[in-house]
Amino acid sequence: MSESIRTEKVFTVLTWLFVSIILVYALILDILVSPNAHNLLAHISFAGLFAVVNVIRKYLIELGVNSLDYFYLRSRVVEVILICFSFFYLGFTSWVGIFLLCSIFVMTLLEGRQAGLHTAVLSMGIAVLFALTSGGFLHEYLIESITFLFFPVAGFAGWYIGARIHKETEEQFERKQRELVQVENEKSEALRLSREVEEKIEKSKEKLKKLENINEQMKVSLEKYYEFHHISSIIGSIFDVNGLLKFINETIIEIIEADYSTIFLFEPKRGSLEIQNTNITNEENIRKLRTSINNDIVYDIIENGSPLVVNVVDSSDYEFVRGREVKSFICMPISTTKKKYGVVLIESTEYNRFHDENQKLVTLLGHQMSTSIENLELYKRMKELATTDGLTGVFNRLYFQERLSKELKIAHEHDYPLSLVIFDIDHFKRVNDTYSHLIGDRVLKLVTSVVKNSIRRSDMIARYGGEEFIILFPNMDIKRAQETCEILREKIQATHLVNREVNLSVTVSFGIANFPHNAYSEENLVKAADRALYEAKEGGRNQVRVSQEKLF
């Protein structure tokens, strides 16, 4: 309940008290003291009218009608008129002015100083009007001027008191409002700051989460970097192509967690892709792969140098997956800027198996593999240059010495024979002098070609110096070595070098030594074969001689 309504209700009670006083006054004065029916009726009518006004005002208050409402103001005006009327026409004494003071006081308190002042001026105007028109009372109240003046003074006193209290109340209300506004502002500011803090906390949480994600990604990337660095180190230390391909294939299966991985390289002689390494064990699936991998799609991948990643496989689109339970695959080219080597086919039996990280890792491994294969080819070529004779293509003397040491050690350990043959082209200097050194080089090539194509894979031929060559026959006794040399001698003698300028053939002389028949050491074995060759030349050339020496 507001303060104004509470005050109005109090005044309503006072009004009922005023009505009661009027009725008591009428009862005592008009009935008991000086009976007067006319005055009694006037007093009772006045009290009834006042009561009606009070009831209407109380009803308006309970309805919550604003104090500035039209009917409420009219009730206030009627109340002032009735008070003035009771004083001037009904003969009420100056105590009625106290009630006027209260009425104007309440009006000022509730409606403000201006409304109270208007009511006080109105009451004074009405008092003057009633004084001028009241007839007999006028002379009496003009004589008793103090009593007359009390009435307007009471009205203005009510206004003054109400105005002071209203002003203080208004100031107090304004202070409270300011305090409330300040409190609300502080609350709003606190709420704003709280929201800002919450937003900053949320942003900090988001940033922290992002940092944690970045940290986790960096951790995974770092682990993969070290893992890849370790793999690269191992790959760089492998000097065998088959060993390299086996390691890379196993690495792909382990890191990518693929079901199958197959490495295809171009076969130089056929010019087609051939399986070099795979973890597929089903022979039928291997056969399907071998017969279907050479197709335009795979060749385009190799040519473009870009991997093909398919996470939802339609077997009708890719011939090499037909008839096999492959749901996703990566086809990775193995190539450098200089050469195309082949592809790696990584397969899974699950859809959407390969994500971006898998593709990046496979791409890195593909580049590493290509570089490693290129380096191995270069290493093989350099090794060939270091161990072979540049003119004839057979091994050189340095490599022969290494091979002889190994083979002789094995022969000692396993107790099997080792035959060593030195042969020389007869009258080779005469060929150079007669036909030129160019023809002489061609003769050297022709002779070594006949020998290379006639000996076993386990045997080896090397150029020992000039027109002199040496052959190593592991696990071959001296008799069989002699027979083999006879065959070689006959083949060489029957072979002709024919071109537009010449048509000639040459003969060769052979010297044979054997472990353990002639010697145990490398030096003595070579010495025995060399002396047997010398005997063949001294004996007329174009013949095979077996060493009879025992150099132990």
Protein backbone atom coordinates (compact mmCIF):
# COMPACT_ATOMS: atom_id res chain seq x y z
CA MET A 1 0.00 0.00 0.00
CA SER A 2 1.38 3.45 -1.01
CA GLU A 3 1.85 6.29 1.47
CA SER A 4 -0.76 8.51 -0.29
CA ILE A 5 -3.47 5.83 -0.05
CA ARG A 6 -2.64 5.24 3.60
CA THR A 7 -2.93 9.02 4.33
CA GLU A 8 -6.19 9.24 2.40
CA LYS A 9 -7.67 6.40 4.42
CA VAL A 10 -6.69 8.12 7.66
CA PHE A 11 -8.43 11.30 6.50
CA THR A 12 -11.49 9.24 5.56
CA VAL A 13 -11.66 8.04 9.18
CA LEU A 14 -11.34 11.66 10.38
CA THR A 15 -14.21 12.61 8.03
CA TRP A 16 -16.38 9.93 9.66
CA LEU A 17 -15.42 11.46 12.98
CA PHE A 18 -16.45 14.89 11.70
CA VAL A 19 -19.80 13.49 10.51
CA SER A 20 -20.30 11.92 13.95
CA ILE A 21 -19.53 15.25 15.65
CA ILE A 22 -22.15 16.97 13.45
CA LEU A 23 -24.75 14.38 14.40
CA VAL A 24 -23.91 14.67 18.12
CA TYR A 25 -23.98 18.45 17.82
CA ALA A 26 -27.42 18.32 16.19
CA LEU A 27 -28.69 15.90 18.83
CA ILE A 28 -27.54 18.04 21.74
CA LEU A 29 -28.28 21.51 20.38
CA ASP A 30 -31.37 20.96 18.24
CA ILE A 31 -33.15 18.41 20.44
CA LEU A 32 -32.00 18.82 24.01
CA VAL A 33 -30.79 22.40 24.43
CA SER A 34 -33.07 24.41 22.10
CA PRO A 35 -35.34 22.16 20.14
CA ASN A 36 -35.57 23.29 16.55
CA ALA A 37 -36.85 20.86 13.96
CA HIS A 38 -35.69 23.03 11.06
CA ASN A 39 -32.09 23.19 12.27
CA LEU A 40 -32.14 19.49 13.15
CA LEU A 41 -33.15 18.60 9.58
CA ALA A 42 -30.48 20.92 8.14
CA HIS A 43 -27.74 19.43 10.34
CA ILE A 44 -28.75 15.83 9.59
CA SER A 45 -28.97 16.58 5.83
CA PHE A 46 -25.55 18.21 5.95
CA ALA A 47 -24.07 15.23 7.78
CA GLY A 48 -25.69 12.84 5.30
CA LEU A 49 -24.32 14.78 2.34
CA PHE A 50 -20.86 14.77 3.90
CA ALA A 51 -21.17 11.04 4.50
CA VAL A 52 -22.14 10.46 0.84
CA VAL A 53 -19.06 12.39 -0.34
CA ASN A 54 -16.87 10.39 2.05
CA VAL A 55 -18.33 7.08 0.85
CA ILE A 56 -17.72 8.05 -2.79
CA ARG A 57 -14.13 9.04 -2.05
CA LYS A 58 -13.51 5.81 -0.12
CA TYR A 59 -14.93 3.83 -3.04
CA LEU A 60 -12.65 5.68 -5.47
CA ILE A 61 -9.64 4.94 -3.23
CA GLU A 62 -10.44 1.21 -3.10
CA LEU A 63 -10.77 1.16 -6.88
CA GLY A 64 -7.27 2.67 -7.06
CA VAL A 65 -8.41 5.79 -8.87
CA ASN A 66 -5.60 8.32 -9.24
CA SER A 67 -5.87 11.35 -6.96
CA LEU A 68 -5.91 13.65 -9.97
CA ASP A 69 -8.91 11.85 -11.41
CA TYR A 70 -11.86 14.07 -12.35
CA PHE A 71 -14.30 12.60 -9.78
CA TYR A 72 -11.73 12.64 -6.99
CA LEU A 73 -11.02 16.38 -7.48
CA ARG A 74 -14.71 17.13 -7.60
CA SER A 75 -15.15 15.32 -4.28
CA ARG A 76 -12.45 17.53 -2.77
CA VAL A 77 -14.15 20.71 -4.04
CA VAL A 78 -17.52 19.54 -2.73
CA GLU A 79 -15.87 18.81 0.64
CA VAL A 80 -14.47 22.38 0.89
CA ILE A 81 -17.83 23.88 -0.12
CA LEU A 82 -19.62 21.82 2.54
CA ILE A 83 -17.16 22.89 5.24
CA CYS A 84 -17.59 26.56 4.31
CA PHE A 85 -21.36 26.13 4.15
CA SER A 86 -21.48 24.59 7.62
CA PHE A 87 -19.61 27.56 9.04
CA PHE A 88 -21.60 30.35 7.43
CA TYR A 89 -25.09 28.84 7.13
CA LEU A 90 -25.41 26.17 9.75
CA GLY A 91 -23.87 28.16 12.55
CA PHE A 92 -20.98 25.81 13.27
CA THR A 93 -18.31 27.53 15.27
CA SER A 94 -14.67 28.10 14.32
CA TRP A 95 -13.70 24.51 15.18
CA VAL A 96 -14.90 23.63 11.66
CA GLY A 97 -11.84 25.51 10.42
CA ILE A 98 -9.68 22.80 11.96
CA PHE A 99 -11.36 20.27 9.69
CA LEU A 100 -10.78 22.63 6.73
CA LEU A 101 -7.13 22.84 7.74
CA CYS A 102 -6.93 19.05 7.74
CA SER A 103 -8.66 18.78 4.36
CA ILE A 104 -6.35 21.30 2.69
CA PHE A 105 -3.37 19.73 4.49
CA VAL A 106 -4.24 16.31 3.04
CA MET A 107 -4.87 17.82 -0.40
CA THR A 108 -1.46 19.57 -0.33
CA LEU A 109 0.30 16.49 1.00
CA LEU A 110 -1.16 14.26 -1.68
CA GLU A 111 -1.36 16.57 -4.69
CA GLY A 112 1.46 18.97 -4.10
CA ARG A 113 1.85 22.61 -3.10
CA GLN A 114 0.21 24.04 -6.20
CA ALA A 115 -2.95 21.93 -5.83
CA GLY A 116 -3.09 22.75 -2.10
CA LEU A 117 -2.69 26.47 -2.76
CA HIS A 118 -5.50 26.36 -5.31
CA THR A 119 -7.72 24.64 -2.75
CA ALA A 120 -6.84 27.20 -0.05
CA VAL A 121 -7.61 30.12 -2.40
CA LEU A 122 -10.82 28.36 -3.41
CA SER A 123 -11.84 27.97 0.26
CA MET A 124 -11.13 31.65 0.92
CA GLY A 125 -13.15 32.70 -2.15
CA ILE A 126 -16.03 30.49 -1.08
CA ALA A 127 -15.80 31.87 2.48
CA VAL A 128 -15.98 35.46 1.21
CA LEU A 129 -18.86 34.54 -1.10
CA PHE A 130 -20.79 32.86 1.73
CA ALA A 131 -19.99 35.75 4.06
CA LEU A 132 -21.43 38.23 1.61
CA THR A 133 -24.55 36.18 1.01
CA SER A 134 -25.25 34.83 4.51
CA GLY A 135 -27.27 37.81 5.68
CA GLY A 136 -27.52 37.82 9.43
CA PHE A 137 -24.28 36.07 9.98
CA LEU A 138 -22.28 38.67 8.08
CA HIS A 139 -22.73 41.44 10.60
CA GLU A 140 -21.93 39.08 13.42
CA TYR A 141 -18.75 37.77 11.80
CA LEU A 142 -17.65 41.20 10.72
CA ILE A 143 -17.92 42.32 14.35
CA GLU A 144 -16.13 39.14 15.46
CA SER A 145 -13.40 39.61 12.85
CA ILE A 146 -11.00 37.35 14.69
CA THR A 147 -13.44 34.48 14.35
CA PHE A 148 -13.96 35.28 10.69
CA LEU A 149 -10.27 35.51 9.98
CA PHE A 150 -9.63 32.18 11.67
CA PHE A 151 -11.38 30.34 8.87
CA PRO A 152 -9.18 31.46 5.90
CA VAL A 153 -6.12 31.40 8.14
CA ALA A 154 -6.89 27.74 8.93
CA GLY A 155 -7.14 26.97 5.22
CA PHE A 156 -3.80 28.60 4.43
CA ALA A 157 -2.23 27.06 7.53
CA GLY A 158 -3.28 23.63 6.29
CA TRP A 159 -1.75 24.43 2.93
CA TYR A 160 1.47 25.72 4.48
CA ILE A 161 1.93 22.74 6.76
CA GLY A 162 1.06 20.30 3.98
CA ALA A 163 3.38 22.14 1.55
CA ARG A 164 6.32 21.92 3.99
CA ILE A 165 5.72 18.26 4.69
CA HIS A 166 5.12 17.58 0.97
CA LYS A 167 8.36 19.36 0.09
CA GLU A 168 10.30 17.35 2.67
CA THR A 169 8.57 14.19 1.56
CA GLU A 170 9.28 15.02 -2.05
CA GLU A 171 12.93 15.77 -1.28
CA GLN A 172 13.17 12.59 0.74
CA PHE A 173 11.48 10.73 -2.08
CA GLU A 174 13.89 12.25 -4.59
CA ARG A 175 16.83 11.31 -2.36
CA LYS A 176 15.51 7.79 -2.11
CA GLN A 177 14.95 7.77 -5.84
CA ARG A 178 18.48 8.98 -6.42
CA GLU A 179 19.73 6.38 -4.00
CA LEU A 180 17.64 3.75 -5.72
CA VAL A 181 18.85 4.95 -9.11
CA GLN A 182 22.41 4.88 -7.79
CA VAL A 183 21.88 1.40 -6.36
CA GLU A 184 20.31 0.28 -9.61
CA ASN A 185 23.16 1.84 -11.55
CA GLU A 186 25.64 0.12 -9.26
CA LYS A 187 23.74 -3.12 -9.70
CA SER A 188 23.66 -2.59 -13.45
CA GLU A 189 27.35 -1.76 -13.45
CA ALA A 190 28.10 -4.76 -11.26
CA LEU A 191 25.95 -6.91 -13.54
CA ARG A 192 27.70 -5.46 -16.59
CA LEU A 193 31.11 -6.09 -15.03
CA SER A 194 29.97 -9.56 -14.01
CA ARG A 195 28.85 -10.27 -17.56
CA GLU A 196 32.11 -8.87 -18.90
CA VAL A 197 34.03 -11.07 -16.47
CA GLU A 198 31.91 -14.07 -17.49
CA GLU A 199 32.46 -13.25 -21.17
CA LYS A 200 36.20 -12.89 -20.56
CA ILE A 201 36.19 -16.17 -18.64
CA GLU A 202 34.30 -17.86 -21.48
CA LYS A 203 36.69 -16.35 -24.03
CA SER A 204 39.61 -17.43 -21.87
CA LYS A 205 38.13 -20.93 -21.71
CA GLU A 206 37.72 -20.94 -25.48
CA LYS A 207 41.28 -19.68 -25.96
CA LEU A 208 42.53 -22.25 -23.45
CA LYS A 209 40.63 -24.97 -25.28
CA LYS A 210 42.07 -23.80 -28.60
CA LEU A 211 45.54 -23.72 -27.07
CA GLU A 212 45.01 -27.22 -25.69
CA ASN A 213 43.87 -28.38 -29.13
CA ILE A 214 46.85 -26.67 -30.76
CA ASN A 215 49.13 -28.16 -28.13
CA GLU A 216 47.65 -31.62 -28.73
CA GLN A 217 48.01 -31.18 -32.49
CA MET A 218 51.59 -29.98 -32.05
CA LYS A 219 52.28 -32.93 -29.77
CA VAL A 220 50.85 -35.36 -32.35
CA SER A 221 52.69 -33.56 -35.15
CA LEU A 222 55.92 -33.62 -33.14
CA GLU A 223 55.51 -37.31 -32.45
CA LYS A 224 54.85 -37.94 -36.12
CA TYR A 225 57.81 -35.74 -37.04
CA TYR A 226 60.16 -37.75 -34.81
CA GLU A 227 58.58 -40.98 -36.02
CA PHE A 228 59.00 -39.91 -39.63
CA HIS A 229 62.54 -38.68 -38.91
CA HIS A 230 63.35 -42.08 -37.41
CA ILE A 231 61.80 -43.83 -40.41
CA SER A 232 63.77 -41.59 -42.79
CA SER A 233 66.98 -42.43 -40.95
CA ILE A 234 66.30 -46.15 -41.32
CA ILE A 235 65.33 -45.77 -44.98
CA GLY A 236 68.56 -43.85 -45.63
CA SER A 237 70.60 -46.65 -44.10
CA ILE A 238 69.15 -49.40 -46.33
CA PHE A 239 71.24 -50.05 -49.48
CA ASP A 240 69.16 -52.91 -50.86
CA VAL A 241 66.05 -52.20 -52.94
CA ASN A 242 64.15 -55.27 -51.77
CA GLY A 243 64.96 -54.54 -48.13
CA LEU A 244 63.90 -50.93 -48.63
CA LEU A 245 60.55 -51.84 -50.18
CA LYS A 246 59.86 -54.42 -47.48
CA PHE A 247 60.56 -51.90 -44.69
CA ILE A 248 58.44 -49.16 -46.30
CA ASN A 249 55.53 -51.51 -46.86
CA GLU A 250 55.60 -52.68 -43.25
CA THR A 251 55.85 -49.05 -42.08
CA ILE A 252 52.80 -48.01 -44.14
CA ILE A 253 50.69 -50.84 -42.76
CA GLU A 254 51.72 -50.01 -39.18
CA ILE A 255 51.36 -46.21 -39.30
CA ILE A 256 48.36 -45.89 -41.64
CA GLU A 257 46.73 -48.97 -40.12
CA ALA A 258 45.76 -50.17 -43.57
CA ASP A 259 44.64 -53.69 -44.32
CA TYR A 260 46.72 -54.14 -47.46
CA SER A 261 49.72 -52.42 -49.01
CA THR A 262 51.35 -53.35 -52.30
CA ILE A 263 54.35 -51.73 -54.03
CA PHE A 264 54.54 -51.92 -57.83
CA LEU A 265 57.65 -50.97 -59.84
CA PHE A 266 58.18 -50.86 -63.58
CA GLU A 267 60.00 -53.94 -64.87
CA PRO A 268 62.67 -52.60 -67.27
CA LYS A 269 62.48 -55.48 -69.73
CA ARG A 270 58.68 -55.67 -69.92
CA GLY A 271 57.96 -51.98 -69.34
CA SER A 272 54.98 -52.88 -67.13
CA LEU A 273 54.19 -52.62 -63.39
CA GLU A 274 55.12 -55.69 -61.40
CA ILE A 275 54.49 -56.52 -57.72
CA GLN A 276 57.68 -55.98 -55.73
CA ASN A 277 56.31 -56.26 -52.20
CA THR A 278 52.88 -56.94 -50.67
CA ASN A 279 51.30 -58.20 -47.47
CA ILE A 280 48.45 -59.86 -49.42
CA THR A 281 48.64 -63.62 -48.88
CA ASN A 282 45.71 -64.77 -51.00
CA GLU A 283 47.19 -66.04 -54.28
CA GLU A 284 43.99 -65.38 -56.22
CA ASN A 285 43.92 -61.72 -55.08
CA ILE A 286 47.61 -61.36 -55.99
CA ARG A 287 46.85 -62.75 -59.45
CA LYS A 288 43.95 -60.28 -59.88
CA LEU A 289 46.18 -57.39 -58.88
CA ARG A 290 49.01 -58.46 -61.17
CA THR A 291 46.70 -58.69 -64.21
CA SER A 292 44.70 -55.48 -63.56
CA ILE A 293 47.18 -52.92 -62.21
CA ASN A 294 48.45 -51.87 -65.65
CA ASN A 295 45.62 -49.55 -66.71
CA ASP A 296 45.10 -45.93 -67.77
CA ILE A 297 43.98 -44.73 -64.32
CA VAL A 298 47.17 -45.94 -62.62
CA TYR A 299 49.37 -44.69 -65.48
CA ASP A 300 47.73 -41.22 -65.21
CA ILE A 301 48.47 -41.16 -61.46
CA ILE A 302 52.12 -41.97 -62.17
CA GLU A 303 52.33 -39.42 -64.97
CA ASN A 304 50.67 -36.59 -62.98
CA GLY A 305 52.60 -37.36 -59.79
CA SER A 306 49.51 -36.82 -57.61
CA PRO A 307 47.95 -39.46 -55.33
CA LEU A 308 44.39 -40.69 -55.82
CA VAL A 309 42.37 -41.04 -52.60
CA VAL A 310 39.00 -42.82 -52.78
CA ASN A 311 37.12 -43.32 -49.50
CA VAL A 312 33.97 -44.80 -51.04
CA VAL A 313 35.00 -47.32 -53.69
CA ASP A 314 32.78 -48.31 -56.59
CA SER A 315 34.47 -51.40 -58.02
CA SER A 316 32.98 -50.71 -61.44
CA ASP A 317 35.18 -47.61 -61.69
CA TYR A 318 38.47 -49.26 -60.70
CA GLU A 319 39.48 -52.51 -62.31
CA PHE A 320 42.24 -53.31 -59.81
CA VAL A 321 39.81 -53.60 -56.85
CA ARG A 322 37.21 -55.82 -58.53
CA GLY A 323 36.52 -59.11 -56.85
CA ARG A 324 38.27 -58.02 -53.65
CA GLU A 325 36.75 -56.58 -50.44
CA VAL A 326 38.20 -53.09 -50.85
CA LYS A 327 36.10 -50.14 -49.63
CA SER A 328 38.69 -47.32 -49.72
CA PHE A 329 42.21 -46.91 -51.10
CA ILE A 330 45.12 -44.55 -51.75
CA CYS A 331 47.11 -44.95 -54.96
CA MET A 332 50.42 -43.14 -54.41
CA PRO A 333 52.89 -42.55 -57.27
CA ILE A 334 56.60 -43.33 -56.74
CA SER A 335 58.45 -40.86 -58.92
CA THR A 336 61.01 -38.08 -59.05
CA THR A 337 61.43 -35.27 -61.54
CA LYS A 338 63.77 -37.51 -63.53
CA LYS A 339 62.10 -40.91 -63.43
CA LYS A 340 58.81 -42.71 -62.86
CA TYR A 341 59.30 -45.81 -60.71
CA GLY A 342 55.80 -47.10 -59.96
CA VAL A 343 52.98 -46.85 -57.37
CA VAL A 344 52.02 -47.87 -53.86
CA LEU A 345 48.45 -49.18 -53.49
CA ILE A 346 47.19 -48.85 -49.89
CA GLU A 347 43.79 -50.47 -49.28
CA SER A 348 41.21 -50.82 -46.51
CA THR A 349 38.12 -52.97 -46.07
CA GLU A 350 36.33 -50.01 -44.41
CA TYR A 351 34.69 -46.97 -46.00
CA ASN A 352 36.12 -43.47 -45.28
CA ARG A 353 39.25 -44.97 -43.79
CA PHE A 354 41.82 -42.43 -45.01
CA HIS A 355 41.84 -38.85 -43.68
CA ASP A 356 44.07 -35.85 -44.43
CA GLU A 357 46.82 -36.87 -42.00
CA ASN A 358 47.06 -40.30 -43.66
CA GLN A 359 47.36 -38.66 -47.07
CA LYS A 360 50.08 -36.27 -45.90
CA LEU A 361 52.07 -39.07 -44.30
CA VAL A 362 51.72 -41.32 -47.34
CA THR A 363 52.82 -38.43 -49.59
CA LEU A 364 55.92 -37.87 -47.44
CA LEU A 365 56.71 -41.59 -47.47
CA GLY A 366 56.20 -41.64 -51.24
CA HIS A 367 58.70 -38.81 -51.74
CA GLN A 368 61.13 -40.48 -49.34
CA MET A 369 60.75 -43.80 -51.14
CA SER A 370 61.27 -42.22 -54.56
CA THR A 371 64.39 -40.40 -53.39
CA SER A 372 65.74 -43.53 -51.71
CA ILE A 373 65.21 -45.68 -54.83
CA GLU A 374 66.90 -43.00 -56.91
CA ASN A 375 69.80 -42.90 -54.45
CA LEU A 376 70.04 -46.69 -54.47
CA GLU A 377 70.24 -46.71 -58.26
CA LEU A 378 72.92 -44.06 -58.08
CA TYR A 379 74.74 -46.03 -55.39
CA LYS A 380 74.48 -49.17 -57.49
CA ARG A 381 75.81 -47.31 -60.52
CA MET A 382 78.70 -45.84 -58.54
CA LYS A 383 79.45 -49.23 -57.08
CA GLU A 384 79.47 -50.72 -60.58
CA LEU A 385 81.80 -47.97 -61.75
CA ALA A 386 84.06 -48.65 -58.79
CA THR A 387 84.05 -52.43 -59.26
CA THR A 388 83.79 -52.92 -63.03
CA ASP A 389 86.03 -52.31 -65.97
CA GLY A 390 84.86 -49.37 -68.02
CA LEU A 391 85.67 -50.93 -71.39
CA THR A 392 84.54 -54.55 -71.11
CA GLY A 393 81.92 -54.27 -68.34
CA VAL A 394 83.42 -57.13 -66.32
CA PHE A 395 84.71 -56.69 -62.76
CA ASN A 396 88.02 -54.95 -62.23
CA ARG A 397 91.12 -56.28 -60.45
CA LEU A 398 90.35 -54.49 -57.16
CA TYR A 399 86.93 -56.10 -56.82
CA PHE A 400 88.37 -59.45 -57.84
CA GLN A 401 90.82 -59.30 -54.94
CA GLU A 402 87.93 -58.70 -52.51
CA ARG A 403 85.86 -61.49 -54.02
CA LEU A 404 88.80 -63.93 -54.06
CA SER A 405 89.42 -63.29 -50.35
CA LYS A 406 85.76 -64.00 -49.48
CA GLU A 407 85.44 -67.07 -51.71
CA LEU A 408 88.70 -68.57 -50.45
CA LYS A 409 87.59 -68.07 -46.84
CA ILE A 410 84.29 -69.82 -47.57
CA ALA A 411 86.10 -72.65 -49.32
CA HIS A 412 88.31 -73.11 -46.26
CA GLU A 413 85.29 -73.10 -43.90
CA HIS A 414 83.16 -75.49 -45.96
CA ASP A 415 86.03 -77.58 -47.37
CA TYR A 416 85.10 -77.36 -51.04
CA PRO A 417 87.37 -76.70 -54.06
CA LEU A 418 87.98 -73.32 -55.64
CA SER A 419 89.51 -73.02 -59.10
CA LEU A 420 91.22 -69.88 -60.41
CA VAL A 421 91.93 -69.30 -64.11
CA ILE A 422 94.06 -66.63 -65.78
CA PHE A 423 93.77 -66.28 -69.58
CA ASP A 424 95.42 -64.02 -72.08
CA ILE A 425 94.61 -63.12 -75.72
CA ASP A 426 97.35 -64.47 -77.94
CA HIS A 427 99.36 -61.90 -79.94
CA PHE A 428 97.07 -59.06 -78.84
CA LYS A 429 99.76 -56.45 -79.44
CA ARG A 430 99.86 -57.56 -83.07
CA VAL A 431 96.08 -56.94 -83.32
CA ASN A 432 96.50 -53.38 -81.99
CA ASP A 433 99.44 -52.68 -84.28
CA THR A 434 97.79 -54.18 -87.34
CA TYR A 435 94.16 -53.11 -86.99
CA SER A 436 94.36 -50.16 -84.45
CA HIS A 437 93.56 -49.91 -80.79
CA LEU A 438 89.86 -49.38 -81.59
CA ILE A 439 89.70 -52.85 -83.13
CA GLY A 440 91.70 -54.13 -80.18
CA ASP A 441 89.08 -52.76 -77.77
CA ARG A 442 86.35 -54.46 -79.74
CA VAL A 443 88.24 -57.76 -79.55
CA LEU A 444 88.47 -57.39 -75.75
CA LYS A 445 84.73 -56.79 -75.56
CA LEU A 446 83.98 -59.74 -77.82
CA VAL A 447 86.12 -62.18 -75.83
CA THR A 448 84.70 -61.13 -72.43
CA SER A 449 81.18 -61.34 -73.84
CA VAL A 450 81.76 -64.95 -74.94
CA VAL A 451 83.14 -65.85 -71.50
CA LYS A 452 80.39 -64.06 -69.51
CA ASN A 453 77.65 -65.83 -71.47
CA SER A 454 79.30 -69.22 -71.00
CA ILE A 455 80.06 -69.39 -67.27
CA ARG A 456 77.73 -69.95 -64.30
CA ARG A 457 76.00 -67.16 -62.37
CA SER A 458 78.07 -68.03 -59.34
CA ASP A 459 81.30 -67.69 -61.33
CA MET A 460 82.97 -64.33 -61.98
CA ILE A 461 85.30 -62.85 -64.59
CA ALA A 462 87.51 -59.80 -64.06
CA ARG A 463 90.00 -57.86 -66.13
CA TYR A 464 93.36 -58.45 -64.53
CA GLY A 465 95.36 -56.05 -66.72
CA GLY A 466 95.68 -55.19 -70.44
CA GLU A 467 94.54 -58.25 -72.41
CA GLU A 468 94.80 -60.51 -69.36
CA PHE A 469 91.66 -61.72 -67.56
CA ILE A 470 90.99 -63.88 -64.51
CA ILE A 471 88.07 -66.24 -63.78
CA LEU A 472 86.96 -67.56 -60.39
CA PHE A 473 85.10 -70.89 -60.25
CA PRO A 474 83.71 -71.49 -56.70
CA ASN A 475 83.07 -75.13 -55.75
CA MET A 476 84.69 -76.48 -58.92
CA ASP A 477 87.49 -79.02 -58.93
CA ILE A 478 90.54 -78.76 -61.20
CA LYS A 479 89.38 -81.35 -63.74
CA ARG A 480 86.02 -79.66 -64.35
CA ALA A 481 87.74 -76.29 -64.50
CA GLN A 482 90.02 -77.64 -67.25
CA GLU A 483 87.04 -78.94 -69.22
CA THR A 484 85.25 -75.60 -68.91
CA CYS A 485 88.32 -73.71 -70.10
CA GLU A 486 88.62 -75.97 -73.12
CA ILE A 487 85.04 -75.17 -74.05
CA LEU A 488 85.73 -71.44 -73.64
CA ARG A 489 88.89 -71.68 -75.73
CA GLU A 490 87.05 -73.35 -78.59
CA LYS A 491 84.15 -70.83 -78.47
CA ILE A 492 86.55 -67.89 -78.56
CA GLN A 493 88.54 -69.37 -81.45
CA ALA A 494 85.31 -69.92 -83.40
CA THR A 495 84.07 -66.40 -82.84
CA HIS A 496 84.90 -63.81 -85.51
CA LEU A 497 84.94 -60.04 -85.31
CA VAL A 498 83.35 -58.93 -88.58
CA ASN A 499 82.76 -55.42 -89.90
CA ARG A 500 83.40 -53.48 -93.10
CA GLU A 501 87.09 -53.26 -92.36
CA VAL A 502 88.10 -56.60 -90.82
CA ASN A 503 87.14 -60.22 -90.39
CA LEU A 504 89.31 -61.75 -87.75
CA SER A 505 89.34 -64.23 -84.89
CA VAL A 506 91.68 -64.60 -81.95
CA THR A 507 92.86 -67.39 -79.70
CA VAL A 508 93.49 -67.40 -75.94
CA SER A 509 95.74 -69.30 -73.54
CA PHE A 510 94.59 -70.50 -70.11
CA GLY A 511 96.44 -71.20 -66.83
CA ILE A 512 94.57 -73.03 -64.05
CA ALA A 513 95.30 -73.36 -60.30
CA ASN A 514 93.12 -74.92 -57.60
CA PHE A 515 92.51 -74.83 -53.88
CA PRO A 516 93.41 -77.08 -52.15
CA HIS A 517 95.31 -78.85 -54.97
CA ASN A 518 97.94 -76.15 -55.64
CA ALA A 519 97.81 -73.57 -52.85
CA TYR A 520 96.00 -72.38 -49.73
CA SER A 521 96.60 -68.61 -49.90
CA GLU A 522 95.35 -66.00 -52.36
CA GLU A 523 98.82 -64.97 -53.40
CA ASN A 524 100.06 -68.50 -54.06
CA LEU A 525 96.86 -69.45 -55.89
CA VAL A 526 97.26 -66.51 -58.30
CA LYS A 527 100.97 -67.23 -58.65
CA ALA A 528 100.32 -70.89 -59.56
CA ALA A 529 97.70 -69.93 -62.21
CA ASP A 530 99.98 -67.24 -63.66
CA ARG A 531 102.86 -69.73 -64.04
CA ALA A 532 100.51 -72.24 -65.71
CA LEU A 533 99.51 -69.48 -68.19
CA TYR A 534 103.16 -68.80 -68.89
CA GLU A 535 103.64 -72.50 -69.66
CA ALA A 536 100.67 -72.41 -72.07
CA LYS A 537 102.21 -69.47 -73.96
CA GLU A 538 105.61 -71.15 -74.02
CA GLY A 539 103.96 -74.32 -75.25
CA GLY A 540 102.61 -72.66 -78.38
CA ARG A 541 99.56 -70.66 -77.15
CA ASN A 542 95.84 -71.42 -77.79
CA GLN A 543 95.85 -74.10 -75.08
CA VAL A 544 94.89 -74.85 -71.47
CA ARG A 545 97.54 -75.67 -68.87
CA VAL A 546 96.93 -76.88 -65.28
CA SER A 547 99.41 -75.94 -62.58
CA GLN A 548 101.41 -78.80 -61.13
CA GLU A 549 102.99 -76.73 -58.39
CA LYS A 550 102.42 -77.21 -54.67
CA LEU A 551 102.76 -73.79 -53.07
CA PHE A 552 101.97 -74.45 -49.41
